[in-house]
Amino acid sequence: MTNRIFFGDNLAVLNGIVEASIDLIYIDPPFNTGKQQGRTQLRTVRSEVGDRTGFQGRRYETTKGGTQAYADLFDDYLGFLEPRLREAHRVLAAHGSLYFHIDYREVHYCKVLLDGIFGRPCFLNEVIWAYDYGGRTTKKWPPKHDNILVYVKDPERYVFNVDEVERIPYMAPGLVGPEKAARGKLPTDTWWHTIVPTQGAEKTGYPTQKPLGVLRRIVQASSRPGDVVLDFFAGSGTTGAACLELGREFVLVDSNVQALEVMARRFAGVDGIEWINWQSPCHAPVSPMSSA
């Protein structure tokens, strides 16, 4: 199988995927914040008359690049999600898992919806991704986390590769002894991980880009080499990047032209990726798509 990136409505693409053919699904849908989500790329260069002061008093000038944005507003958010989540359940293999990435505004409603689709016994975890970056309100506790709901198709046979997950340092290594401290510990359901750094090499400029480290951990834990991983809100393609690194196949879907442009740059030079325009009347369904 080759890796595939689909441009088109994700529900239409999901309808064509063969039942029980996907080993792991990760999705990061719009959070329904009611706002226009956007990000302007910034670049800093050395300048004696710059507007910023950096290390050892050096001056830098900031220039603005392009702005990428999408509307994050749905009149019926759960009505938008439900048919897509039902299709996700259908295409997921019996041993498969779904990681549903959302924030505090919608997580409670989405969990009730997912309980109804997967069944409450199939709820495995709520992972909290905590970060400490960005502005802080003084009118309430500043929200600095996202929620990732984890569901399995069958609670008796799902994949969880505990020995494959990258271990993390103990917060108090002196309390556990040198051997355990050197080995590190298994992450809990609270993941401390910074957002994608503004000037980092990983940055694509796409709004709401998620860190490779978060996706790497998910793919390591809940899939095996050669498995097929689906992300039908693909955005900047971080799921695909994690799969390439870890030897998994991927199916990515997005209807945003800017997302496809970002992924084209991100995967430039990578062999074995098939790009399919699902909005074209001439598209050809191919494996893992049905021939119908």
C-alpha atoms as a PDB file:
ATOM      1  CA  MET A   1       0.000   0.000   0.000  1.00  0.00           C
ATOM      2  CA  THR A   2       1.131   3.543  -0.694  1.00  0.00           C
ATOM      3  CA  ASN A   3       0.388   6.490   1.563  1.00  0.00           C
ATOM      4  CA  ARG A   4      -2.585   8.569   0.425  1.00  0.00           C
ATOM      5  CA  ILE A   5      -3.659  12.182   0.828  1.00  0.00           C
ATOM      6  CA  PHE A   6      -7.216  13.052  -0.208  1.00  0.00           C
ATOM      7  CA  PHE A   7      -8.486  16.521  -1.057  1.00  0.00           C
ATOM      8  CA  GLY A   8     -12.242  16.595  -0.470  1.00  0.00           C
ATOM      9  CA  ASP A   9     -15.065  16.300   2.020  1.00  0.00           C
ATOM     10  CA  ASN A  10     -14.023  13.788   4.653  1.00  0.00           C
ATOM     11  CA  LEU A  11     -17.484  12.250   4.951  1.00  0.00           C
ATOM     12  CA  ALA A  12     -17.489  11.389   1.253  1.00  0.00           C
ATOM     13  CA  VAL A  13     -14.009   9.861   1.543  1.00  0.00           C
ATOM     14  CA  LEU A  14     -14.979   7.921   4.671  1.00  0.00           C
ATOM     15  CA  ASN A  15     -17.984   6.471   2.855  1.00  0.00           C
ATOM     16  CA  GLY A  16     -15.588   4.850   0.386  1.00  0.00           C
ATOM     17  CA  ILE A  17     -13.207   3.252   2.876  1.00  0.00           C
ATOM     18  CA  VAL A  18     -13.558  -0.492   3.307  1.00  0.00           C
ATOM     19  CA  GLU A  19     -15.104  -1.590   6.595  1.00  0.00           C
ATOM     20  CA  ALA A  20     -12.660  -2.556   9.383  1.00  0.00           C
ATOM     21  CA  SER A  21      -9.607  -1.662   7.238  1.00  0.00           C
ATOM     22  CA  ILE A  22      -8.039   1.037   9.458  1.00  0.00           C
ATOM     23  CA  ASP A  23      -5.854   0.177  12.465  1.00  0.00           C
ATOM     24  CA  LEU A  24      -5.715   3.579  14.181  1.00  0.00           C
ATOM     25  CA  ILE A  25      -7.592   6.859  13.796  1.00  0.00           C
ATOM     26  CA  TYR A  26      -6.441  10.203  15.139  1.00  0.00           C
ATOM     27  CA  ILE A  27      -8.536  13.291  14.476  1.00  0.00           C
ATOM     28  CA  ASP A  28      -8.191  16.882  15.566  1.00  0.00           C
ATOM     29  CA  PRO A  29     -11.459  18.434  14.342  1.00  0.00           C
ATOM     30  CA  PRO A  30     -12.251  22.148  14.589  1.00  0.00           C
ATOM     31  CA  PHE A  31     -12.962  22.980  18.229  1.00  0.00           C
ATOM     32  CA  ASN A  32     -16.087  25.088  17.509  1.00  0.00           C
ATOM     33  CA  THR A  33     -14.620  28.151  19.174  1.00  0.00           C
ATOM     34  CA  GLY A  34     -16.865  30.476  17.159  1.00  0.00           C
ATOM     35  CA  LYS A  35     -13.819  32.358  15.895  1.00  0.00           C
ATOM     36  CA  GLN A  36     -11.770  32.706  12.744  1.00  0.00           C
ATOM     37  CA  GLN A  37      -8.644  30.681  13.438  1.00  0.00           C
ATOM     38  CA  GLY A  38      -5.521  32.064  11.842  1.00  0.00           C
ATOM     39  CA  ARG A  39      -1.787  32.338  12.095  1.00  0.00           C
ATOM     40  CA  THR A  40       0.555  34.875  10.545  1.00  0.00           C
ATOM     41  CA  GLN A  41       4.063  33.631   9.884  1.00  0.00           C
ATOM     42  CA  LEU A  42       6.814  35.822  11.345  1.00  0.00           C
ATOM     43  CA  ARG A  43      10.462  35.966  10.359  1.00  0.00           C
ATOM     44  CA  THR A  44      13.233  37.761  12.231  1.00  0.00           C
ATOM     45  CA  VAL A  45      16.483  38.963  10.685  1.00  0.00           C
ATOM     46  CA  ARG A  46      19.486  40.804  12.140  1.00  0.00           C
ATOM     47  CA  SER A  47      19.113  44.575  11.836  1.00  0.00           C
ATOM     48  CA  GLU A  48      20.747  47.486  13.651  1.00  0.00           C
ATOM     49  CA  VAL A  49      17.418  49.337  13.556  1.00  0.00           C
ATOM     50  CA  GLY A  50      15.290  46.302  14.360  1.00  0.00           C
ATOM     51  CA  ASP A  51      12.160  46.327  16.516  1.00  0.00           C
ATOM     52  CA  ARG A  52      13.327  43.513  18.832  1.00  0.00           C
ATOM     53  CA  THR A  53      16.270  42.986  21.126  1.00  0.00           C
ATOM     54  CA  GLY A  54      17.692  39.493  21.405  1.00  0.00           C
ATOM     55  CA  PHE A  55      20.619  37.690  23.006  1.00  0.00           C
ATOM     56  CA  GLN A  56      23.508  39.950  24.095  1.00  0.00           C
ATOM     57  CA  GLY A  57      21.593  43.035  22.998  1.00  0.00           C
ATOM     58  CA  ARG A  58      21.563  42.196  19.293  1.00  0.00           C
ATOM     59  CA  ARG A  59      18.766  43.881  17.314  1.00  0.00           C
ATOM     60  CA  TYR A  60      16.354  42.046  15.044  1.00  0.00           C
ATOM     61  CA  GLU A  61      13.690  43.162  12.609  1.00  0.00           C
ATOM     62  CA  THR A  62      10.383  41.288  12.345  1.00  0.00           C
ATOM     63  CA  THR A  63       8.747  40.766   8.969  1.00  0.00           C
ATOM     64  CA  LYS A  64       5.317  39.256   8.395  1.00  0.00           C
ATOM     65  CA  GLY A  65       4.689  36.412   5.994  1.00  0.00           C
ATOM     66  CA  GLY A  66       1.444  34.978   4.754  1.00  0.00           C
ATOM     67  CA  THR A  67      -1.610  34.367   6.923  1.00  0.00           C
ATOM     68  CA  GLN A  68      -3.473  31.068   6.931  1.00  0.00           C
ATOM     69  CA  ALA A  69      -6.947  30.819   8.411  1.00  0.00           C
ATOM     70  CA  TYR A  70     -10.194  28.851   8.595  1.00  0.00           C
ATOM     71  CA  ALA A  71     -13.583  29.463  10.169  1.00  0.00           C
ATOM     72  CA  ASP A  72     -14.194  27.467  13.366  1.00  0.00           C
ATOM     73  CA  LEU A  73     -17.945  27.851  13.778  1.00  0.00           C
ATOM     74  CA  PHE A  74     -20.762  25.329  13.428  1.00  0.00           C
ATOM     75  CA  ASP A  75     -24.446  25.900  14.130  1.00  0.00           C
ATOM     76  CA  ASP A  76     -24.829  22.188  14.929  1.00  0.00           C
ATOM     77  CA  TYR A  77     -21.406  20.924  15.926  1.00  0.00           C
ATOM     78  CA  LEU A  78     -22.487  17.475  17.095  1.00  0.00           C
ATOM     79  CA  GLY A  79     -24.669  17.108  14.007  1.00  0.00           C
ATOM     80  CA  PHE A  80     -21.562  17.801  11.919  1.00  0.00           C
ATOM     81  CA  LEU A  81     -19.441  15.288  13.844  1.00  0.00           C
ATOM     82  CA  GLU A  82     -21.860  12.415  14.312  1.00  0.00           C
ATOM     83  CA  PRO A  83     -21.985  10.963  10.762  1.00  0.00           C
ATOM     84  CA  ARG A  84     -18.198  11.239  10.518  1.00  0.00           C
ATOM     85  CA  LEU A  85     -17.680   9.473  13.851  1.00  0.00           C
ATOM     86  CA  ARG A  86     -20.123   6.724  12.871  1.00  0.00           C
ATOM     87  CA  GLU A  87     -18.096   6.171   9.714  1.00  0.00           C
ATOM     88  CA  ALA A  88     -14.915   6.202  11.783  1.00  0.00           C
ATOM     89  CA  HIS A  89     -16.353   3.408  13.931  1.00  0.00           C
ATOM     90  CA  ARG A  90     -17.307   1.429  10.804  1.00  0.00           C
ATOM     91  CA  VAL A  91     -13.879   1.606   9.153  1.00  0.00           C
ATOM     92  CA  LEU A  92     -11.927   0.894  12.350  1.00  0.00           C
ATOM     93  CA  ALA A  93     -10.539  -2.637  12.673  1.00  0.00           C
ATOM     94  CA  ALA A  94     -11.622  -4.805  15.604  1.00  0.00           C
ATOM     95  CA  HIS A  95      -8.271  -4.179  17.329  1.00  0.00           C
ATOM     96  CA  GLY A  96      -8.269  -0.469  16.431  1.00  0.00           C
ATOM     97  CA  SER A  97      -8.352   2.707  18.496  1.00  0.00           C
ATOM     98  CA  LEU A  98      -9.704   6.217  17.971  1.00  0.00           C
ATOM     99  CA  TYR A  99      -7.968   9.277  19.440  1.00  0.00           C
ATOM    100  CA  PHE A 100     -10.343  12.247  19.388  1.00  0.00           C
ATOM    101  CA  HIS A 101      -8.588  15.566  20.085  1.00  0.00           C
ATOM    102  CA  ILE A 102     -10.809  18.386  21.369  1.00  0.00           C
ATOM    103  CA  ASP A 103     -10.780  21.170  23.965  1.00  0.00           C
ATOM    104  CA  TYR A 104     -12.629  21.996  27.175  1.00  0.00           C
ATOM    105  CA  ARG A 105     -15.519  23.772  25.421  1.00  0.00           C
ATOM    106  CA  GLU A 106     -16.892  20.689  23.657  1.00  0.00           C
ATOM    107  CA  VAL A 107     -15.272  17.642  25.274  1.00  0.00           C
ATOM    108  CA  HIS A 108     -18.212  16.771  27.552  1.00  0.00           C
ATOM    109  CA  TYR A 109     -20.755  16.797  24.722  1.00  0.00           C
ATOM    110  CA  CYS A 110     -18.426  14.882  22.428  1.00  0.00           C
ATOM    111  CA  LYS A 111     -17.838  12.175  25.019  1.00  0.00           C
ATOM    112  CA  VAL A 112     -21.574  11.559  25.331  1.00  0.00           C
ATOM    113  CA  LEU A 113     -21.782  11.336  21.534  1.00  0.00           C
ATOM    114  CA  LEU A 114     -18.853   8.903  21.348  1.00  0.00           C
ATOM    115  CA  ASP A 115     -20.259   6.797  24.203  1.00  0.00           C
ATOM    116  CA  GLY A 116     -23.393   6.369  22.107  1.00  0.00           C
ATOM    117  CA  ILE A 117     -21.456   5.325  19.003  1.00  0.00           C
ATOM    118  CA  PHE A 118     -18.718   3.132  20.494  1.00  0.00           C
ATOM    119  CA  GLY A 119     -20.411   2.112  23.759  1.00  0.00           C
ATOM    120  CA  ARG A 120     -19.273   3.209  27.205  1.00  0.00           C
ATOM    121  CA  PRO A 121     -17.183   0.036  27.818  1.00  0.00           C
ATOM    122  CA  CYS A 122     -15.061   1.054  24.809  1.00  0.00           C
ATOM    123  CA  PHE A 123     -13.932   4.306  26.437  1.00  0.00           C
ATOM    124  CA  LEU A 124     -10.301   3.716  27.380  1.00  0.00           C
ATOM    125  CA  ASN A 125      -8.812   7.047  28.488  1.00  0.00           C
ATOM    126  CA  GLU A 126      -9.089  10.772  28.602  1.00  0.00           C
ATOM    127  CA  VAL A 127      -5.589  12.085  27.943  1.00  0.00           C
ATOM    128  CA  ILE A 128      -4.830  15.639  29.013  1.00  0.00           C
ATOM    129  CA  TRP A 129      -2.251  17.385  26.866  1.00  0.00           C
ATOM    130  CA  ALA A 130      -0.957  20.222  29.038  1.00  0.00           C
ATOM    131  CA  TYR A 131       1.234  23.050  27.781  1.00  0.00           C
ATOM    132  CA  ASP A 132       2.407  26.367  29.194  1.00  0.00           C
ATOM    133  CA  TYR A 133       2.643  28.928  26.432  1.00  0.00           C
ATOM    134  CA  GLY A 134       0.723  31.927  25.121  1.00  0.00           C
ATOM    135  CA  GLY A 135      -1.457  34.597  26.692  1.00  0.00           C
ATOM    136  CA  ARG A 136      -3.050  34.338  30.113  1.00  0.00           C
ATOM    137  CA  THR A 137      -6.387  35.707  31.146  1.00  0.00           C
ATOM    138  CA  THR A 138      -6.771  37.286  34.589  1.00  0.00           C
ATOM    139  CA  LYS A 139     -10.531  36.690  34.688  1.00  0.00           C
ATOM    140  CA  LYS A 140     -10.399  32.907  35.208  1.00  0.00           C
ATOM    141  CA  TRP A 141      -7.932  30.037  35.474  1.00  0.00           C
ATOM    142  CA  PRO A 142      -6.029  30.273  32.163  1.00  0.00           C
ATOM    143  CA  PRO A 143      -6.909  27.226  30.017  1.00  0.00           C
ATOM    144  CA  LYS A 144      -3.668  25.513  29.071  1.00  0.00           C
ATOM    145  CA  HIS A 145      -4.660  22.022  28.035  1.00  0.00           C
ATOM    146  CA  ASP A 146      -6.454  20.006  25.365  1.00  0.00           C
ATOM    147  CA  ASN A 147      -8.436  16.810  25.850  1.00  0.00           C
ATOM    148  CA  ILE A 148      -7.859  13.617  23.860  1.00  0.00           C
ATOM    149  CA  LEU A 149     -10.596  10.992  24.225  1.00  0.00           C
ATOM    150  CA  VAL A 150      -9.422   7.444  23.502  1.00  0.00           C
ATOM    151  CA  TYR A 151     -11.901   4.786  22.378  1.00  0.00           C
ATOM    152  CA  VAL A 152     -11.283   1.212  21.242  1.00  0.00           C
ATOM    153  CA  LYS A 153     -13.405  -0.895  18.917  1.00  0.00           C
ATOM    154  CA  ASP A 154     -13.176  -3.942  21.179  1.00  0.00           C
ATOM    155  CA  PRO A 155     -12.072  -3.532  24.833  1.00  0.00           C
ATOM    156  CA  GLU A 156     -10.810  -7.133  24.862  1.00  0.00           C
ATOM    157  CA  ARG A 157      -8.392  -6.979  21.906  1.00  0.00           C
ATOM    158  CA  TYR A 158      -7.057  -3.477  21.283  1.00  0.00           C
ATOM    159  CA  VAL A 159      -3.392  -2.650  20.621  1.00  0.00           C
ATOM    160  CA  PHE A 160      -1.355  -0.909  23.303  1.00  0.00           C
ATOM    161  CA  ASN A 161       2.408  -1.234  22.918  1.00  0.00           C
ATOM    162  CA  VAL A 162       3.551  -0.290  26.386  1.00  0.00           C
ATOM    163  CA  ASP A 163       7.182  -1.191  25.638  1.00  0.00           C
ATOM    164  CA  GLU A 164       7.278   0.912  22.468  1.00  0.00           C
ATOM    165  CA  VAL A 165       6.253   4.188  24.108  1.00  0.00           C
ATOM    166  CA  GLU A 166       9.104   6.615  24.622  1.00  0.00           C
ATOM    167  CA  ARG A 167       9.671   6.968  28.357  1.00  0.00           C
ATOM    168  CA  ILE A 168       9.952  10.290  30.170  1.00  0.00           C
ATOM    169  CA  PRO A 169      12.111  11.496  33.093  1.00  0.00           C
ATOM    170  CA  TYR A 170      10.896  11.143  36.662  1.00  0.00           C
ATOM    171  CA  MET A 171      10.022  14.479  38.248  1.00  0.00           C
ATOM    172  CA  ALA A 172      11.813  13.365  41.447  1.00  0.00           C
ATOM    173  CA  PRO A 173      14.492  10.905  40.272  1.00  0.00           C
ATOM    174  CA  GLY A 174      16.098  10.814  43.688  1.00  0.00           C
ATOM    175  CA  LEU A 175      13.052   9.029  45.096  1.00  0.00           C
ATOM    176  CA  VAL A 176      13.144   6.055  42.710  1.00  0.00           C
ATOM    177  CA  GLY A 177      16.813   5.080  42.623  1.00  0.00           C
ATOM    178  CA  PRO A 178      19.421   5.332  39.838  1.00  0.00           C
ATOM    179  CA  GLU A 179      18.226   2.329  37.790  1.00  0.00           C
ATOM    180  CA  LYS A 180      14.645   3.514  37.475  1.00  0.00           C
ATOM    181  CA  ALA A 181      15.747   7.102  36.992  1.00  0.00           C
ATOM    182  CA  ALA A 182      17.972   6.084  34.071  1.00  0.00           C
ATOM    183  CA  ARG A 183      15.166   4.076  32.441  1.00  0.00           C
ATOM    184  CA  GLY A 184      12.536   6.779  32.908  1.00  0.00           C
ATOM    185  CA  LYS A 185       8.844   6.212  33.427  1.00  0.00           C
ATOM    186  CA  LEU A 186       5.823   5.458  31.277  1.00  0.00           C
ATOM    187  CA  PRO A 187       3.786   8.612  30.606  1.00  0.00           C
ATOM    188  CA  THR A 188       0.490   8.842  32.477  1.00  0.00           C
ATOM    189  CA  ASP A 189      -2.766  10.235  31.097  1.00  0.00           C
ATOM    190  CA  THR A 190      -1.400  13.761  31.577  1.00  0.00           C
ATOM    191  CA  TRP A 191       1.121  14.716  28.897  1.00  0.00           C
ATOM    192  CA  TRP A 192       3.303  17.781  29.448  1.00  0.00           C
ATOM    193  CA  HIS A 193       4.501  18.839  26.005  1.00  0.00           C
ATOM    194  CA  THR A 194       5.152  22.262  24.584  1.00  0.00           C
ATOM    195  CA  ILE A 195       3.279  23.533  21.538  1.00  0.00           C
ATOM    196  CA  VAL A 196       5.114  23.768  18.225  1.00  0.00           C
ATOM    197  CA  PRO A 197       7.778  26.474  18.783  1.00  0.00           C
ATOM    198  CA  THR A 198       7.270  29.628  16.736  1.00  0.00           C
ATOM    199  CA  GLN A 199      10.796  29.551  15.309  1.00  0.00           C
ATOM    200  CA  GLY A 200      11.212  25.761  15.430  1.00  0.00           C
ATOM    201  CA  ALA A 201      12.146  23.622  12.428  1.00  0.00           C
ATOM    202  CA  GLU A 202       8.875  21.721  12.858  1.00  0.00           C
ATOM    203  CA  LYS A 203       6.747  24.831  12.252  1.00  0.00           C
ATOM    204  CA  THR A 204       4.645  24.831   9.078  1.00  0.00           C
ATOM    205  CA  GLY A 205       2.655  28.007   9.742  1.00  0.00           C
ATOM    206  CA  TYR A 206      -0.658  26.131   9.644  1.00  0.00           C
ATOM    207  CA  PRO A 207      -3.195  27.218  12.312  1.00  0.00           C
ATOM    208  CA  THR A 208      -3.621  24.727  15.170  1.00  0.00           C
ATOM    209  CA  GLN A 209      -0.645  22.572  14.087  1.00  0.00           C
ATOM    210  CA  LYS A 210      -0.046  19.882  16.708  1.00  0.00           C
ATOM    211  CA  PRO A 211       3.427  18.784  17.878  1.00  0.00           C
ATOM    212  CA  LEU A 212       5.057  15.766  16.297  1.00  0.00           C
ATOM    213  CA  GLY A 213       5.916  14.493  19.780  1.00  0.00           C
ATOM    214  CA  VAL A 214       2.234  14.118  20.697  1.00  0.00           C
ATOM    215  CA  LEU A 215       1.405  12.212  17.497  1.00  0.00           C
ATOM    216  CA  ARG A 216       4.528  10.105  17.784  1.00  0.00           C
ATOM    217  CA  ARG A 217       3.416   8.879  21.206  1.00  0.00           C
ATOM    218  CA  ILE A 218      -0.079   8.011  19.944  1.00  0.00           C
ATOM    219  CA  VAL A 219       1.210   6.109  16.922  1.00  0.00           C
ATOM    220  CA  GLN A 220       3.835   4.278  18.985  1.00  0.00           C
ATOM    221  CA  ALA A 221       1.297   3.157  21.567  1.00  0.00           C
ATOM    222  CA  SER A 222      -1.715   2.194  19.486  1.00  0.00           C
ATOM    223  CA  SER A 223      -0.443   0.830  16.172  1.00  0.00           C
ATOM    224  CA  ARG A 224       2.159  -1.581  14.858  1.00  0.00           C
ATOM    225  CA  PRO A 225       4.687  -1.238  12.042  1.00  0.00           C
ATOM    226  CA  GLY A 226       2.900  -1.528   8.708  1.00  0.00           C
ATOM    227  CA  ASP A 227      -0.504  -0.589  10.142  1.00  0.00           C
ATOM    228  CA  VAL A 228      -2.745   1.964   8.436  1.00  0.00           C
ATOM    229  CA  VAL A 229      -3.404   5.207  10.325  1.00  0.00           C
ATOM    230  CA  LEU A 230      -6.244   7.526   9.295  1.00  0.00           C
ATOM    231  CA  ASP A 231      -6.564  11.247  10.001  1.00  0.00           C
ATOM    232  CA  PHE A 232      -9.565  12.812   8.277  1.00  0.00           C
ATOM    233  CA  PHE A 233      -8.974  16.314   9.650  1.00  0.00           C
ATOM    234  CA  ALA A 234      -5.354  16.209   8.519  1.00  0.00           C
ATOM    235  CA  GLY A 235      -4.444  19.923   8.661  1.00  0.00           C
ATOM    236  CA  SER A 236      -0.671  20.275   8.440  1.00  0.00           C
ATOM    237  CA  GLY A 237      -0.140  16.499   8.123  1.00  0.00           C
ATOM    238  CA  THR A 238       1.556  15.831  11.466  1.00  0.00           C
ATOM    239  CA  THR A 239      -0.075  12.386  11.651  1.00  0.00           C
ATOM    240  CA  GLY A 240       1.536  11.505   8.332  1.00  0.00           C
ATOM    241  CA  ALA A 241       4.915  12.777   9.510  1.00  0.00           C
ATOM    242  CA  ALA A 242       4.728  10.547  12.600  1.00  0.00           C
ATOM    243  CA  CYS A 243       3.766   7.560  10.443  1.00  0.00           C
ATOM    244  CA  LEU A 244       6.683   8.106   8.066  1.00  0.00           C
ATOM    245  CA  GLU A 245       9.052   8.213  11.023  1.00  0.00           C
ATOM    246  CA  LEU A 246       7.637   5.065  12.641  1.00  0.00           C
ATOM    247  CA  GLY A 247       7.001   2.828   9.626  1.00  0.00           C
ATOM    248  CA  ARG A 248       3.209   3.082   9.449  1.00  0.00           C
ATOM    249  CA  GLU A 249       1.058   3.759   6.383  1.00  0.00           C
ATOM    250  CA  PHE A 250      -1.264   6.759   6.428  1.00  0.00           C
ATOM    251  CA  VAL A 251      -4.469   8.047   4.897  1.00  0.00           C
ATOM    252  CA  LEU A 252      -4.915  11.815   5.292  1.00  0.00           C
ATOM    253  CA  VAL A 253      -8.015  13.818   4.322  1.00  0.00           C
ATOM    254  CA  ASP A 254      -8.661  17.553   4.263  1.00  0.00           C
ATOM    255  CA  SER A 255     -10.904  19.918   2.305  1.00  0.00           C
ATOM    256  CA  ASN A 256      -8.849  23.048   2.985  1.00  0.00           C
ATOM    257  CA  VAL A 257      -6.649  24.089   0.058  1.00  0.00           C
ATOM    258  CA  GLN A 258      -4.162  25.673   2.470  1.00  0.00           C
ATOM    259  CA  ALA A 259      -3.813  22.367   4.321  1.00  0.00           C
ATOM    260  CA  LEU A 260      -2.993  20.584   1.062  1.00  0.00           C
ATOM    261  CA  GLU A 261      -0.420  23.252   0.202  1.00  0.00           C
ATOM    262  CA  VAL A 262       1.234  22.884   3.616  1.00  0.00           C
ATOM    263  CA  MET A 263       1.325  19.089   3.291  1.00  0.00           C
ATOM    264  CA  ALA A 264       2.743  19.351  -0.221  1.00  0.00           C
ATOM    265  CA  ARG A 265       5.654  21.387   1.143  1.00  0.00           C
ATOM    266  CA  ARG A 266       6.049  19.182   4.193  1.00  0.00           C
ATOM    267  CA  PHE A 267       6.203  15.941   2.193  1.00  0.00           C
ATOM    268  CA  ALA A 268       8.126  17.294  -0.792  1.00  0.00           C
ATOM    269  CA  GLY A 269      10.631  14.686  -1.920  1.00  0.00           C
ATOM    270  CA  VAL A 270       8.945  11.828  -0.035  1.00  0.00           C
ATOM    271  CA  ASP A 271       8.341   8.843  -2.315  1.00  0.00           C
ATOM    272  CA  GLY A 272       5.262   6.660  -2.204  1.00  0.00           C
ATOM    273  CA  ILE A 273       2.553   9.255  -1.561  1.00  0.00           C
ATOM    274  CA  GLU A 274      -0.521   9.256  -3.794  1.00  0.00           C
ATOM    275  CA  TRP A 275      -2.491  12.503  -4.001  1.00  0.00           C
ATOM    276  CA  ILE A 276      -6.192  12.105  -4.841  1.00  0.00           C
ATOM    277  CA  ASN A 277      -8.645  14.886  -5.655  1.00  0.00           C
ATOM    278  CA  TRP A 278     -11.863  13.438  -4.267  1.00  0.00           C
ATOM    279  CA  GLN A 279     -13.778  16.512  -5.434  1.00  0.00           C
ATOM    280  CA  SER A 280     -12.988  15.748  -9.060  1.00  0.00           C
ATOM    281  CA  PRO A 281     -15.606  13.705 -10.978  1.00  0.00           C
ATOM    282  CA  CYS A 282     -12.725  11.666 -12.411  1.00  0.00           C
ATOM    283  CA  HIS A 283     -11.305  10.400  -9.116  1.00  0.00           C
ATOM    284  CA  ALA A 284     -10.675   6.672  -8.985  1.00  0.00           C
ATOM    285  CA  PRO A 285     -11.394   4.827  -5.731  1.00  0.00           C
ATOM    286  CA  VAL A 286      -8.343   2.725  -4.814  1.00  0.00           C
ATOM    287  CA  SER A 287      -7.303   0.560  -1.882  1.00  0.00           C
ATOM    288  CA  PRO A 288      -8.115   1.060   0.968  1.00  0.00           C
ATOM    289  CA  MET A 289     -11.041   2.640  -0.882  1.00  0.00           C
ATOM    290  CA  SER A 290     -13.805   0.413  -2.211  1.00  0.00           C
ATOM    291  CA  SER A 291     -14.229  -0.093  -5.959  1.00  0.00           C
ATOM    292  CA  ALA A 292     -17.896   0.859  -5.769  1.00  0.00           C
END
